[in-house]
Amino acid sequence: MRRRTYVKTGAGVLAGGLLAGCTGGGSGDEATETSASDGESSTTEAAETETEAETTESAVPSNVVIGSDIPYRPFEYETTSGELTGFDVDIAAAVFEDQLGVDYEFKPTSFDSIIPSLNNNNFRIIMSAMTINDERDEEVDFSDPYFTAYQTVIVREGGSISSKADLQGQPIGVQKGTTGANAAEQLQEEFDGDLELKKYDQISGAFQALINGQVNAIINDNTVNAEFANERDDVVFLEGEGAAAEAGQEAPPYLTLTVENYGIAFREDDDEFRERVNEALAAIKENGTYEEIYSEYFAG
């Protein structure tokens, strides 16, 4: 059982040693020339080895600091005992600790400022259920996709909203800076502006607003909406066909406004590290670790 906290300790340590020697023969100038040549060769080899070690250390840091919007259940959240857990947290353990043999830690960061924080060197990468899209791709580089999600709508059961059309004119809760907020804005345009958007710093604030009657629906990722709806008897998904069915995918049994892929975000000059992470992601999919983690959080 892995210890799930904000700081994880991996077993991998980058180490290296240099072994140098010299040989000589004959006498006089010939011996001196041979010795000098060997010395230069050893010095060159040592310098090349040190440079190679520095490059490896730079490509895969000994400790990876991860920017993440916490809480965002079931991807990253704290248990009642204060331990950090979630799908992204376990994927990070599998990628960095198990595959790359390095330490890592999560750094809580507001989602609406998380990309500028990455580019200001506040952390090395973003793992925060982040959807890959063209707008973000102009500011960061993404790993290969590691999760498919849908923007969905949840409402209070027994209320007046039973279809997408019923959302017109209603107050809708979203989280700032998310693709859920983008989907709501697109819906607002579709309704010629007749949609009231209420934006919250964290999705938990939007959920509370739904319970309190301050909003009549939430637009957010399907798995996060499901985590909340499954804990309550008075919240349900809005049904209907949508983007998944239109894309020819096996559609979930509820309305989907978008189809999205999550990726790990890197600064644009971090290509070597991104390539190593992509290799690690491919490895955990190949060896069954990814499916094991997925089943723990999204079974059924």
Foldseek 3Di string as FASTA:
>chain_A
DAFFAQWHFAQDDDDDDADADADADDDDPRRVVRRVVSVVVSVVVVVVVVVVSVVVCLLQPQEFEEEEAPPQPQQWYADPVRGIHHLVRLLCCLQCRVPVRHIYGYDHDFQQCRLVCQVVVVGFWYDYQAFDDDVVCVFWPWFPFDDKWFWFKKFFPPDPDQALVVQFQFEEEEEPPHVLVVLVVVSCVVSVNRHHYDYDRDVVVRVVCRVVVVGGMYIDIPLSLCVVPVVDPGMDTRADDEDCVVVVHPDDRGYTDYMTTDTMTGGPVNVSNSVSSNVSSVVCVVVVVSVVSCCVRPPD
